[in-house]
């Protein structure tokens, strides 16, 4: 067997091993974060604003699955009195160049019964880092002191680290069940 074939097999094994470790880590952190921060469990007192990180828009310009779940949880927090405002963050993307994701999330929230005056949009972010940077900037400009960051459970650790880097280490994390809570058939799809 040639050297190039052995290298290719080694690379394949390494790639599959890395993929397996990554999947296990995502599932572990997702489960742990959902148990600790799901449904706003870490909120001892209501916050001024919940910053909802954009979860994407599908190819047909419709709000993505993760984004819809995040919006639904934010609206539930608003209805339960756990927050006074919801700040949606997300700009345009490769699939949706006309309408920012934040505007789509706001429309979805209104459709779920949220009052329009309690909803704020940040329409420029193109990444998680920008969601947090731009969203936290708006929150600070408006004088919000207690801030919660809402995203999928598997995504929360990354968001917490970035928030800490951006000087918002005291932001309260809120985890939403993501693809990890769906049936095996849905996850496979």
N, C-alpha and C. Protein backbone atom coordinates (compact mmCIF):
# COMPACT_ATOMS: atom_id res chain seq x y z
N UNK A 1 0.85 -1.16 0.00
CA UNK A 1 0.00 0.00 0.00
C UNK A 1 0.90 1.23 0.00
N UNK A 2 0.56 2.18 -0.84
CA UNK A 2 1.38 3.37 -0.97
C UNK A 2 1.22 4.33 0.20
N UNK A 3 2.19 5.22 0.30
CA UNK A 3 2.19 6.21 1.36
C UNK A 3 0.97 7.12 1.29
N UNK A 4 0.61 7.53 0.09
CA UNK A 4 -0.54 8.43 -0.04
C UNK A 4 -1.84 7.76 0.39
N UNK A 5 -1.97 6.48 0.14
CA UNK A 5 -3.18 5.75 0.55
C UNK A 5 -3.22 5.63 2.08
N UNK A 6 -2.08 5.36 2.70
CA UNK A 6 -2.03 5.27 4.17
C UNK A 6 -2.35 6.63 4.80
N UNK A 7 -1.82 7.68 4.21
CA UNK A 7 -2.11 9.03 4.71
C UNK A 7 -3.60 9.36 4.57
N UNK A 8 -4.18 8.96 3.47
CA UNK A 8 -5.60 9.22 3.25
C UNK A 8 -6.44 8.48 4.29
N UNK A 9 -6.10 7.23 4.59
CA UNK A 9 -6.84 6.47 5.60
C UNK A 9 -6.66 7.08 6.98
N UNK A 10 -5.44 7.49 7.28
CA UNK A 10 -5.17 8.12 8.57
C UNK A 10 -5.97 9.41 8.71
N UNK A 11 -6.00 10.20 7.65
CA UNK A 11 -6.75 11.46 7.67
C UNK A 11 -8.24 11.20 7.84
N UNK A 12 -8.75 10.18 7.18
CA UNK A 12 -10.17 9.82 7.31
C UNK A 12 -10.49 9.42 8.74
N UNK A 13 -9.65 8.59 9.33
CA UNK A 13 -9.87 8.17 10.72
C UNK A 13 -9.81 9.36 11.68
N UNK A 14 -8.84 10.22 11.46
CA UNK A 14 -8.71 11.41 12.29
C UNK A 14 -9.95 12.30 12.16
N UNK A 15 -10.41 12.47 10.93
CA UNK A 15 -11.60 13.30 10.70
C UNK A 15 -12.83 12.71 11.36
N UNK A 16 -13.01 11.39 11.23
CA UNK A 16 -14.17 10.74 11.85
C UNK A 16 -14.08 10.79 13.37
N UNK A 17 -12.89 10.63 13.90
CA UNK A 17 -12.71 10.73 15.36
C UNK A 17 -13.01 12.12 15.86
N UNK A 18 -12.52 13.12 15.13
CA UNK A 18 -12.78 14.51 15.51
C UNK A 18 -14.27 14.82 15.44
N UNK A 19 -14.93 14.35 14.41
CA UNK A 19 -16.37 14.54 14.28
C UNK A 19 -17.12 13.90 15.45
N UNK A 20 -16.73 12.69 15.82
CA UNK A 20 -17.39 12.00 16.93
C UNK A 20 -17.21 12.76 18.25
N UNK A 21 -15.99 13.21 18.51
CA UNK A 21 -15.73 13.96 19.74
C UNK A 21 -16.52 15.27 19.75
N UNK A 22 -16.59 15.94 18.61
CA UNK A 22 -17.34 17.20 18.50
C UNK A 22 -18.82 16.98 18.77
N UNK A 23 -19.39 15.95 18.17
CA UNK A 23 -20.81 15.66 18.37
C UNK A 23 -21.09 15.34 19.83
N UNK A 24 -20.22 14.55 20.46
CA UNK A 24 -20.42 14.23 21.87
C UNK A 24 -20.31 15.48 22.74
N UNK A 25 -19.36 16.36 22.45
CA UNK A 25 -19.22 17.59 23.23
C UNK A 25 -20.44 18.48 23.08
N UNK A 26 -20.93 18.62 21.86
CA UNK A 26 -22.12 19.45 21.62
C UNK A 26 -23.32 18.88 22.37
N UNK A 27 -23.50 17.59 22.32
CA UNK A 27 -24.62 16.97 23.01
C UNK A 27 -24.49 17.13 24.53
N UNK A 28 -23.26 16.98 25.06
CA UNK A 28 -23.04 17.13 26.49
C UNK A 28 -23.36 18.56 26.94
N UNK A 29 -22.75 19.55 26.28
CA UNK A 29 -22.97 20.93 26.69
C UNK A 29 -24.42 21.35 26.47
N UNK A 30 -25.02 20.84 25.43
CA UNK A 30 -26.42 21.16 25.17
C UNK A 30 -27.30 20.67 26.31
N UNK A 31 -27.10 19.42 26.70
CA UNK A 31 -27.89 18.84 27.78
C UNK A 31 -27.63 19.59 29.10
N UNK A 32 -26.36 19.84 29.39
CA UNK A 32 -26.01 20.53 30.64
C UNK A 32 -26.58 21.95 30.67
N UNK A 33 -26.44 22.68 29.57
CA UNK A 33 -26.94 24.06 29.53
C UNK A 33 -28.45 24.11 29.59
N UNK A 34 -29.11 23.17 28.94
CA UNK A 34 -30.57 23.16 28.97
C UNK A 34 -31.07 22.91 30.39
N UNK A 35 -30.40 22.01 31.09
CA UNK A 35 -30.79 21.74 32.47
C UNK A 35 -30.55 22.91 33.39
N UNK A 36 -29.46 23.63 33.18
CA UNK A 36 -29.10 24.73 34.07
C UNK A 36 -29.75 26.06 33.69
N UNK A 37 -29.85 26.34 32.38
CA UNK A 37 -30.31 27.65 31.93
C UNK A 37 -31.60 27.62 31.11
N UNK A 38 -32.15 26.43 30.86
CA UNK A 38 -33.36 26.32 30.05
C UNK A 38 -34.53 27.04 30.67
N UNK A 39 -35.36 27.64 29.82
CA UNK A 39 -36.56 28.35 30.24
C UNK A 39 -36.26 29.44 31.26
N UNK A 40 -35.07 30.02 31.20
CA UNK A 40 -34.72 31.13 32.08
C UNK A 40 -34.50 30.73 33.53
N UNK A 41 -34.08 29.49 33.80
CA UNK A 41 -33.88 29.03 35.17
C UNK A 41 -32.87 29.88 35.94
N UNK A 42 -31.92 30.49 35.24
CA UNK A 42 -30.90 31.30 35.91
C UNK A 42 -31.41 32.71 36.25
N UNK A 43 -32.62 33.05 35.83
CA UNK A 43 -33.17 34.37 36.12
C UNK A 43 -33.75 34.38 37.53
N UNK A 44 -33.04 35.01 38.44
CA UNK A 44 -33.56 35.14 39.80
C UNK A 44 -34.58 36.27 39.86
N UNK A 45 -34.29 37.34 39.14
CA UNK A 45 -35.22 38.47 39.05
C UNK A 45 -35.37 38.82 37.57
N UNK A 46 -36.45 39.47 37.21
CA UNK A 46 -36.63 39.83 35.80
C UNK A 46 -35.49 40.71 35.29
N UNK A 47 -35.25 40.65 33.99
CA UNK A 47 -34.21 41.46 33.35
C UNK A 47 -34.86 42.60 32.58
N UNK A 48 -34.02 43.59 32.24
CA UNK A 48 -34.52 44.71 31.45
C UNK A 48 -34.77 44.30 30.00
N UNK A 49 -33.87 43.48 29.46
CA UNK A 49 -33.96 43.10 28.05
C UNK A 49 -33.39 41.70 27.84
N UNK A 50 -33.99 40.98 26.92
CA UNK A 50 -33.47 39.69 26.48
C UNK A 50 -32.92 39.89 25.08
N UNK A 51 -31.64 39.64 24.92
CA UNK A 51 -30.99 39.72 23.61
C UNK A 51 -31.09 38.35 22.95
N UNK A 52 -31.84 38.27 21.86
CA UNK A 52 -32.06 37.02 21.14
C UNK A 52 -31.11 36.98 19.95
N UNK A 53 -30.21 36.00 19.96
CA UNK A 53 -29.25 35.86 18.86
C UNK A 53 -29.93 35.20 17.67
N UNK A 54 -29.67 35.73 16.49
CA UNK A 54 -30.28 35.20 15.28
C UNK A 54 -29.87 33.76 15.04
N UNK A 55 -30.81 32.96 14.61
CA UNK A 55 -30.55 31.54 14.37
C UNK A 55 -30.65 31.16 12.90
N UNK A 56 -30.71 32.15 12.04
CA UNK A 56 -30.70 31.86 10.62
C UNK A 56 -32.05 31.97 9.95
N UNK A 57 -31.96 32.05 8.63
CA UNK A 57 -33.13 32.13 7.77
C UNK A 57 -32.97 31.06 6.71
N UNK A 58 -34.04 30.34 6.42
CA UNK A 58 -33.99 29.27 5.42
C UNK A 58 -33.81 29.84 4.01
N UNK A 59 -33.49 28.95 3.08
CA UNK A 59 -33.25 29.34 1.70
C UNK A 59 -34.40 30.05 1.02
N UNK A 60 -35.62 29.81 1.50
CA UNK A 60 -36.78 30.46 0.89
C UNK A 60 -37.12 31.79 1.56
N UNK A 61 -36.23 32.29 2.43
CA UNK A 61 -36.46 33.57 3.08
C UNK A 61 -37.37 33.50 4.29
N UNK A 62 -37.66 32.30 4.77
CA UNK A 62 -38.52 32.10 5.94
C UNK A 62 -37.62 31.92 7.16
N UNK A 63 -38.05 32.46 8.27
CA UNK A 63 -37.30 32.35 9.51
C UNK A 63 -36.97 30.90 9.82
N UNK A 64 -35.72 30.64 10.14
CA UNK A 64 -35.25 29.28 10.39
C UNK A 64 -35.81 28.67 11.67
N UNK A 65 -35.66 27.37 11.77
CA UNK A 65 -36.17 26.58 12.88
C UNK A 65 -35.63 27.09 14.22
N UNK A 66 -34.32 27.27 14.32
CA UNK A 66 -33.72 27.74 15.57
C UNK A 66 -34.21 29.12 15.92
N UNK A 67 -34.31 29.98 14.94
CA UNK A 67 -34.79 31.35 15.20
C UNK A 67 -36.22 31.33 15.71
N UNK A 68 -37.06 30.50 15.13
CA UNK A 68 -38.46 30.44 15.59
C UNK A 68 -38.55 29.98 17.03
N UNK A 69 -37.74 28.99 17.40
CA UNK A 69 -37.74 28.52 18.79
C UNK A 69 -37.25 29.60 19.74
N UNK A 70 -36.23 30.32 19.33
CA UNK A 70 -35.70 31.39 20.18
C UNK A 70 -36.73 32.49 20.37
N UNK A 71 -37.40 32.85 19.29
CA UNK A 71 -38.43 33.90 19.37
C UNK A 71 -39.56 33.45 20.29
N UNK A 72 -40.00 32.22 20.15
CA UNK A 72 -41.09 31.72 20.98
C UNK A 72 -40.73 31.77 22.46
N UNK A 73 -39.51 31.41 22.81
CA UNK A 73 -39.07 31.46 24.21
C UNK A 73 -39.00 32.91 24.70
N UNK A 74 -38.50 33.81 23.87
CA UNK A 74 -38.42 35.22 24.25
C UNK A 74 -39.81 35.80 24.49
N UNK A 75 -40.76 35.47 23.63
CA UNK A 75 -42.13 35.95 23.80
C UNK A 75 -42.72 35.38 25.08
N UNK A 76 -42.45 34.11 25.37
CA UNK A 76 -42.95 33.51 26.61
C UNK A 76 -42.38 34.23 27.82
N UNK A 77 -41.11 34.61 27.77
CA UNK A 77 -40.50 35.35 28.88
C UNK A 77 -41.16 36.72 29.03
N UNK A 78 -41.47 37.35 27.92
CA UNK A 78 -42.13 38.65 27.93
C UNK A 78 -43.52 38.53 28.56
N UNK A 79 -44.26 37.53 28.14
CA UNK A 79 -45.62 37.31 28.65
C UNK A 79 -45.60 36.97 30.14
N UNK A 80 -44.60 36.18 30.58
CA UNK A 80 -44.50 35.80 32.00
C UNK A 80 -43.95 36.92 32.87
N UNK A 81 -43.57 38.05 32.26
CA UNK A 81 -43.05 39.16 33.04
C UNK A 81 -41.60 39.01 33.45
N UNK A 82 -40.86 38.16 32.77
CA UNK A 82 -39.46 37.94 33.10
C UNK A 82 -38.55 38.97 32.44
N UNK A 83 -39.09 39.75 31.51
CA UNK A 83 -38.36 40.82 30.84
C UNK A 83 -39.33 41.91 30.42
N UNK A 84 -38.80 43.11 30.24
CA UNK A 84 -39.62 44.22 29.76
C UNK A 84 -39.49 44.39 28.26
N UNK A 85 -38.31 44.06 27.71
CA UNK A 85 -38.05 44.23 26.29
C UNK A 85 -37.35 43.01 25.72
N UNK A 86 -37.51 42.84 24.42
CA UNK A 86 -36.79 41.80 23.69
C UNK A 86 -36.06 42.47 22.55
N UNK A 87 -34.78 42.17 22.43
CA UNK A 87 -33.92 42.74 21.39
C UNK A 87 -33.49 41.62 20.45
N UNK A 88 -33.96 41.66 19.21
CA UNK A 88 -33.61 40.66 18.21
C UNK A 88 -32.41 41.14 17.42
N UNK A 89 -31.42 40.26 17.24
CA UNK A 89 -30.21 40.62 16.51
C UNK A 89 -29.99 39.68 15.34
N UNK A 90 -29.82 40.26 14.15
CA UNK A 90 -29.54 39.46 12.96
C UNK A 90 -29.72 40.27 11.70
N UNK A 91 -28.74 40.22 10.84
CA UNK A 91 -28.79 40.99 9.60
C UNK A 91 -29.21 40.15 8.41
N UNK A 92 -28.89 40.65 7.25
CA UNK A 92 -29.20 39.92 6.02
C UNK A 92 -28.16 38.83 5.83
N UNK A 93 -28.50 37.83 5.05
CA UNK A 93 -27.58 36.72 4.79
C UNK A 93 -27.58 36.35 3.34
N UNK A 94 -26.88 35.28 3.05
CA UNK A 94 -26.77 34.86 1.65
C UNK A 94 -28.11 34.38 1.09
N UNK A 95 -29.01 33.89 1.95
CA UNK A 95 -30.32 33.42 1.50
C UNK A 95 -31.40 34.49 1.54
N UNK A 96 -31.15 35.54 2.28
CA UNK A 96 -32.17 36.56 2.47
C UNK A 96 -31.51 37.94 2.46
N UNK A 97 -31.38 38.49 1.33
CA UNK A 97 -30.70 39.78 1.19
C UNK A 97 -31.64 40.97 1.35
N UNK A 98 -32.94 40.75 1.29
CA UNK A 98 -33.89 41.86 1.34
C UNK A 98 -34.27 42.24 2.76
N UNK A 99 -34.53 41.26 3.61
CA UNK A 99 -35.05 41.53 4.95
C UNK A 99 -34.09 40.97 6.00
N UNK A 100 -33.64 41.80 6.94
CA UNK A 100 -32.77 41.30 8.02
C UNK A 100 -33.49 40.25 8.88
N UNK A 101 -32.74 39.31 9.39
CA UNK A 101 -33.31 38.26 10.24
C UNK A 101 -34.00 38.86 11.46
N UNK A 102 -33.45 39.95 12.00
CA UNK A 102 -34.06 40.58 13.18
C UNK A 102 -35.48 41.06 12.87
N UNK A 103 -35.70 41.58 11.67
CA UNK A 103 -37.05 42.01 11.30
C UNK A 103 -38.00 40.82 11.16
N UNK A 104 -37.50 39.73 10.62
CA UNK A 104 -38.32 38.51 10.52
C UNK A 104 -38.67 37.98 11.91
N UNK A 105 -37.69 38.02 12.82
CA UNK A 105 -37.95 37.56 14.19
C UNK A 105 -38.98 38.45 14.88
N UNK A 106 -38.88 39.75 14.67
CA UNK A 106 -39.84 40.69 15.26
C UNK A 106 -41.25 40.40 14.73
N UNK A 107 -41.38 40.20 13.43
CA UNK A 107 -42.69 39.89 12.84
C UNK A 107 -43.26 38.61 13.42
N UNK A 108 -42.39 37.60 13.59
CA UNK A 108 -42.84 36.33 14.16
C UNK A 108 -43.31 36.53 15.60
N UNK A 109 -42.57 37.34 16.37
CA UNK A 109 -42.94 37.61 17.76
C UNK A 109 -44.30 38.30 17.84
N UNK A 110 -44.54 39.25 16.97
CA UNK A 110 -45.83 39.94 16.94
C UNK A 110 -46.94 38.94 16.62
N UNK A 111 -46.65 38.02 15.68
CA UNK A 111 -47.61 36.98 15.35
C UNK A 111 -47.91 36.06 16.52
N UNK A 112 -46.96 35.94 17.45
CA UNK A 112 -47.16 35.11 18.64
C UNK A 112 -47.81 35.88 19.78
N UNK A 113 -48.11 37.16 19.54
CA UNK A 113 -48.82 37.95 20.53
C UNK A 113 -47.98 38.95 21.32
N UNK A 114 -46.73 39.15 20.95
CA UNK A 114 -45.89 40.11 21.67
C UNK A 114 -46.27 41.53 21.28
N UNK A 115 -46.27 42.46 22.23
CA UNK A 115 -46.57 43.85 21.90
C UNK A 115 -45.41 44.48 21.13
N UNK A 116 -45.71 45.14 20.03
CA UNK A 116 -44.68 45.70 19.15
C UNK A 116 -43.78 46.70 19.87
N UNK A 117 -44.33 47.44 20.84
CA UNK A 117 -43.53 48.46 21.53
C UNK A 117 -42.47 47.85 22.45
N UNK A 118 -42.56 46.56 22.73
CA UNK A 118 -41.57 45.90 23.59
C UNK A 118 -40.47 45.22 22.78
N UNK A 119 -40.52 45.35 21.45
CA UNK A 119 -39.58 44.65 20.57
C UNK A 119 -38.62 45.62 19.91
N UNK A 120 -37.35 45.30 19.98
CA UNK A 120 -36.28 46.13 19.41
C UNK A 120 -35.51 45.27 18.42
N UNK A 121 -35.05 45.85 17.33
CA UNK A 121 -34.27 45.08 16.36
C UNK A 121 -32.88 45.68 16.17
N UNK A 122 -31.94 44.79 15.92
CA UNK A 122 -30.58 45.15 15.54
C UNK A 122 -30.36 44.44 14.21
N UNK A 123 -30.44 45.15 13.07
CA UNK A 123 -30.47 44.51 11.76
C UNK A 123 -29.14 44.38 11.02
N UNK A 124 -28.01 44.53 11.70
CA UNK A 124 -26.74 44.55 10.97
C UNK A 124 -25.85 43.35 11.21
N UNK A 125 -26.05 42.58 12.26
CA UNK A 125 -25.14 41.50 12.63
C UNK A 125 -25.13 40.37 11.61
N UNK A 126 -23.92 39.87 11.35
CA UNK A 126 -23.75 38.77 10.41
C UNK A 126 -23.12 37.54 11.06
N UNK A 127 -22.87 37.59 12.37
CA UNK A 127 -22.25 36.47 13.08
C UNK A 127 -22.64 36.54 14.55
N UNK A 128 -22.32 35.50 15.28
CA UNK A 128 -22.60 35.49 16.72
C UNK A 128 -21.87 36.63 17.41
N UNK A 129 -20.62 36.84 17.05
CA UNK A 129 -19.84 37.92 17.65
C UNK A 129 -20.53 39.27 17.41
N UNK A 130 -20.97 39.50 16.18
CA UNK A 130 -21.65 40.76 15.87
C UNK A 130 -23.02 40.84 16.53
N UNK A 131 -23.75 39.71 16.63
CA UNK A 131 -25.02 39.70 17.37
C UNK A 131 -24.80 40.27 18.76
N UNK A 132 -23.78 39.78 19.42
CA UNK A 132 -23.51 40.22 20.78
C UNK A 132 -22.95 41.64 20.82
N UNK A 133 -22.00 41.92 19.97
CA UNK A 133 -21.38 43.26 19.99
C UNK A 133 -22.40 44.36 19.72
N UNK A 134 -23.15 44.21 18.63
CA UNK A 134 -24.13 45.23 18.27
C UNK A 134 -25.32 45.25 19.23
N UNK A 135 -25.78 44.06 19.63
CA UNK A 135 -26.92 43.98 20.54
C UNK A 135 -26.60 44.57 21.91
N UNK A 136 -25.43 44.25 22.45
CA UNK A 136 -25.03 44.80 23.74
C UNK A 136 -24.84 46.31 23.67
N UNK A 137 -24.35 46.79 22.54
CA UNK A 137 -24.19 48.23 22.36
C UNK A 137 -25.55 48.93 22.43
N UNK A 138 -26.54 48.39 21.73
CA UNK A 138 -27.89 48.97 21.76
C UNK A 138 -28.45 48.92 23.18
N UNK A 139 -28.27 47.78 23.85
CA UNK A 139 -28.77 47.64 25.22
C UNK A 139 -28.15 48.68 26.15
N UNK A 140 -26.86 48.90 26.01
CA UNK A 140 -26.17 49.89 26.86
C UNK A 140 -26.62 51.30 26.52
N UNK A 141 -26.79 51.59 25.23
CA UNK A 141 -27.24 52.92 24.82
C UNK A 141 -28.62 53.24 25.38
N UNK A 142 -29.45 52.24 25.51
CA UNK A 142 -30.81 52.43 26.04
C UNK A 142 -30.85 52.39 27.57
N UNK A 143 -29.71 52.17 28.17
CA UNK A 143 -29.63 52.18 29.62
C UNK A 143 -30.07 50.91 30.31
N UNK A 144 -30.14 49.80 29.59
CA UNK A 144 -30.52 48.53 30.20
C UNK A 144 -29.37 48.01 31.05
N UNK A 145 -29.67 47.68 32.28
CA UNK A 145 -28.64 47.19 33.21
C UNK A 145 -28.60 45.67 33.25
N UNK A 146 -29.76 45.05 33.44
CA UNK A 146 -29.81 43.58 33.52
C UNK A 146 -30.18 43.03 32.15
N UNK A 147 -29.27 42.26 31.61
CA UNK A 147 -29.41 41.74 30.25
C UNK A 147 -29.36 40.21 30.30
N UNK A 148 -30.23 39.57 29.52
CA UNK A 148 -30.17 38.12 29.33
C UNK A 148 -29.83 37.85 27.87
N UNK A 149 -29.09 36.79 27.64
CA UNK A 149 -28.73 36.37 26.28
C UNK A 149 -29.40 35.04 26.02
N UNK A 150 -30.22 34.98 24.98
CA UNK A 150 -30.99 33.80 24.66
C UNK A 150 -30.51 33.19 23.34
N UNK A 151 -30.18 31.91 23.39
CA UNK A 151 -29.77 31.18 22.20
C UNK A 151 -30.00 29.69 22.44
N UNK A 152 -29.72 28.87 21.45
CA UNK A 152 -29.87 27.42 21.61
C UNK A 152 -28.90 26.90 22.65
N UNK A 153 -29.28 25.83 23.33
CA UNK A 153 -28.45 25.26 24.40
C UNK A 153 -27.06 24.89 23.90
N UNK A 154 -26.97 24.31 22.71
CA UNK A 154 -25.66 23.91 22.20
C UNK A 154 -24.78 25.10 21.86
N UNK A 155 -25.36 26.26 21.69
CA UNK A 155 -24.67 27.47 21.26
C UNK A 155 -24.34 28.39 22.44
N UNK A 156 -24.86 28.07 23.61
CA UNK A 156 -24.79 28.98 24.74
C UNK A 156 -23.38 29.18 25.28
N UNK A 157 -22.58 28.13 25.35
CA UNK A 157 -21.22 28.29 25.87
C UNK A 157 -20.42 29.29 25.05
N UNK A 158 -20.52 29.17 23.75
CA UNK A 158 -19.81 30.11 22.87
C UNK A 158 -20.31 31.54 23.08
N UNK A 159 -21.61 31.70 23.18
CA UNK A 159 -22.18 33.03 23.40
C UNK A 159 -21.75 33.60 24.75
N UNK A 160 -21.69 32.76 25.78
CA UNK A 160 -21.26 33.23 27.10
C UNK A 160 -19.81 33.70 27.07
N UNK A 161 -18.96 32.95 26.39
CA UNK A 161 -17.54 33.36 26.29
C UNK A 161 -17.40 34.67 25.54
N UNK A 162 -18.13 34.81 24.46
CA UNK A 162 -18.05 36.05 23.69
C UNK A 162 -18.62 37.23 24.48
N UNK A 163 -19.70 37.02 25.21
CA UNK A 163 -20.28 38.09 26.02
C UNK A 163 -19.28 38.53 27.09
N UNK A 164 -18.62 37.57 27.69
CA UNK A 164 -17.60 37.88 28.69
C UNK A 164 -16.48 38.70 28.06
N UNK A 165 -16.06 38.31 26.88
CA UNK A 165 -15.01 39.04 26.15
C UNK A 165 -15.44 40.48 25.86
N UNK A 166 -16.73 40.67 25.58
CA UNK A 166 -17.26 41.99 25.26
C UNK A 166 -17.66 42.79 26.50
N UNK A 167 -17.32 42.30 27.68
CA UNK A 167 -17.58 43.04 28.90
C UNK A 167 -18.95 42.83 29.50
N UNK A 168 -19.64 41.79 29.09
CA UNK A 168 -20.99 41.52 29.61
C UNK A 168 -21.01 40.15 30.30
N UNK A 169 -20.00 39.91 31.12
CA UNK A 169 -19.92 38.64 31.82
C UNK A 169 -21.05 38.41 32.80
N UNK A 170 -21.74 39.49 33.19
CA UNK A 170 -22.86 39.36 34.12
C UNK A 170 -24.20 39.12 33.42
N UNK A 171 -24.19 39.03 32.10
CA UNK A 171 -25.43 38.77 31.37
C UNK A 171 -25.95 37.38 31.75
N UNK A 172 -27.24 37.27 31.90
CA UNK A 172 -27.86 36.01 32.32
C UNK A 172 -28.10 35.14 31.09
N UNK A 173 -27.56 33.92 31.08
CA UNK A 173 -27.79 33.03 29.93
C UNK A 173 -29.17 32.36 29.99
N UNK A 174 -29.78 32.24 28.83
CA UNK A 174 -31.06 31.54 28.71
C UNK A 174 -30.92 30.56 27.55
N UNK A 175 -31.12 29.28 27.84
CA UNK A 175 -30.97 28.23 26.83
C UNK A 175 -32.33 27.81 26.29
N UNK A 176 -32.35 27.57 25.00
CA UNK A 176 -33.55 27.06 24.32
C UNK A 176 -33.21 25.69 23.77
N UNK A 177 -34.13 24.77 23.91
CA UNK A 177 -33.91 23.44 23.33
C UNK A 177 -33.78 23.59 21.83
N UNK A 178 -32.77 23.00 21.28
CA UNK A 178 -32.54 23.08 19.84
C UNK A 178 -32.75 21.73 19.19
N UNK A 179 -31.98 21.46 18.18
CA UNK A 179 -32.10 20.21 17.45
C UNK A 179 -31.82 19.00 18.32
N UNK A 180 -31.11 19.18 19.41
CA UNK A 180 -30.79 18.08 20.31
C UNK A 180 -32.03 17.48 20.97
N UNK A 181 -33.14 18.20 20.99
CA UNK A 181 -34.35 17.73 21.65
C UNK A 181 -35.37 17.16 20.67
N UNK A 182 -35.05 17.13 19.42
CA UNK A 182 -35.98 16.61 18.43
C UNK A 182 -35.79 15.11 18.27
N UNK A 183 -36.72 14.51 17.60
CA UNK A 183 -36.63 13.07 17.38
C UNK A 183 -35.44 12.76 16.48
N UNK A 184 -35.01 11.53 16.50
CA UNK A 184 -33.88 11.10 15.68
C UNK A 184 -34.16 11.36 14.20
N UNK A 185 -35.41 11.15 13.80
CA UNK A 185 -35.76 11.40 12.41
C UNK A 185 -35.60 12.86 12.01
N UNK A 186 -36.02 13.77 12.89
CA UNK A 186 -35.87 15.19 12.62
C UNK A 186 -34.42 15.59 12.59
N UNK A 187 -33.62 15.04 13.53
CA UNK A 187 -32.18 15.37 13.56
C UNK A 187 -31.49 14.88 12.29
N UNK A 188 -31.88 13.71 11.85
CA UNK A 188 -31.27 13.15 10.63
C UNK A 188 -31.62 14.02 9.44
N UNK A 189 -32.88 14.45 9.37
CA UNK A 189 -33.30 15.30 8.26
C UNK A 189 -32.54 16.60 8.28
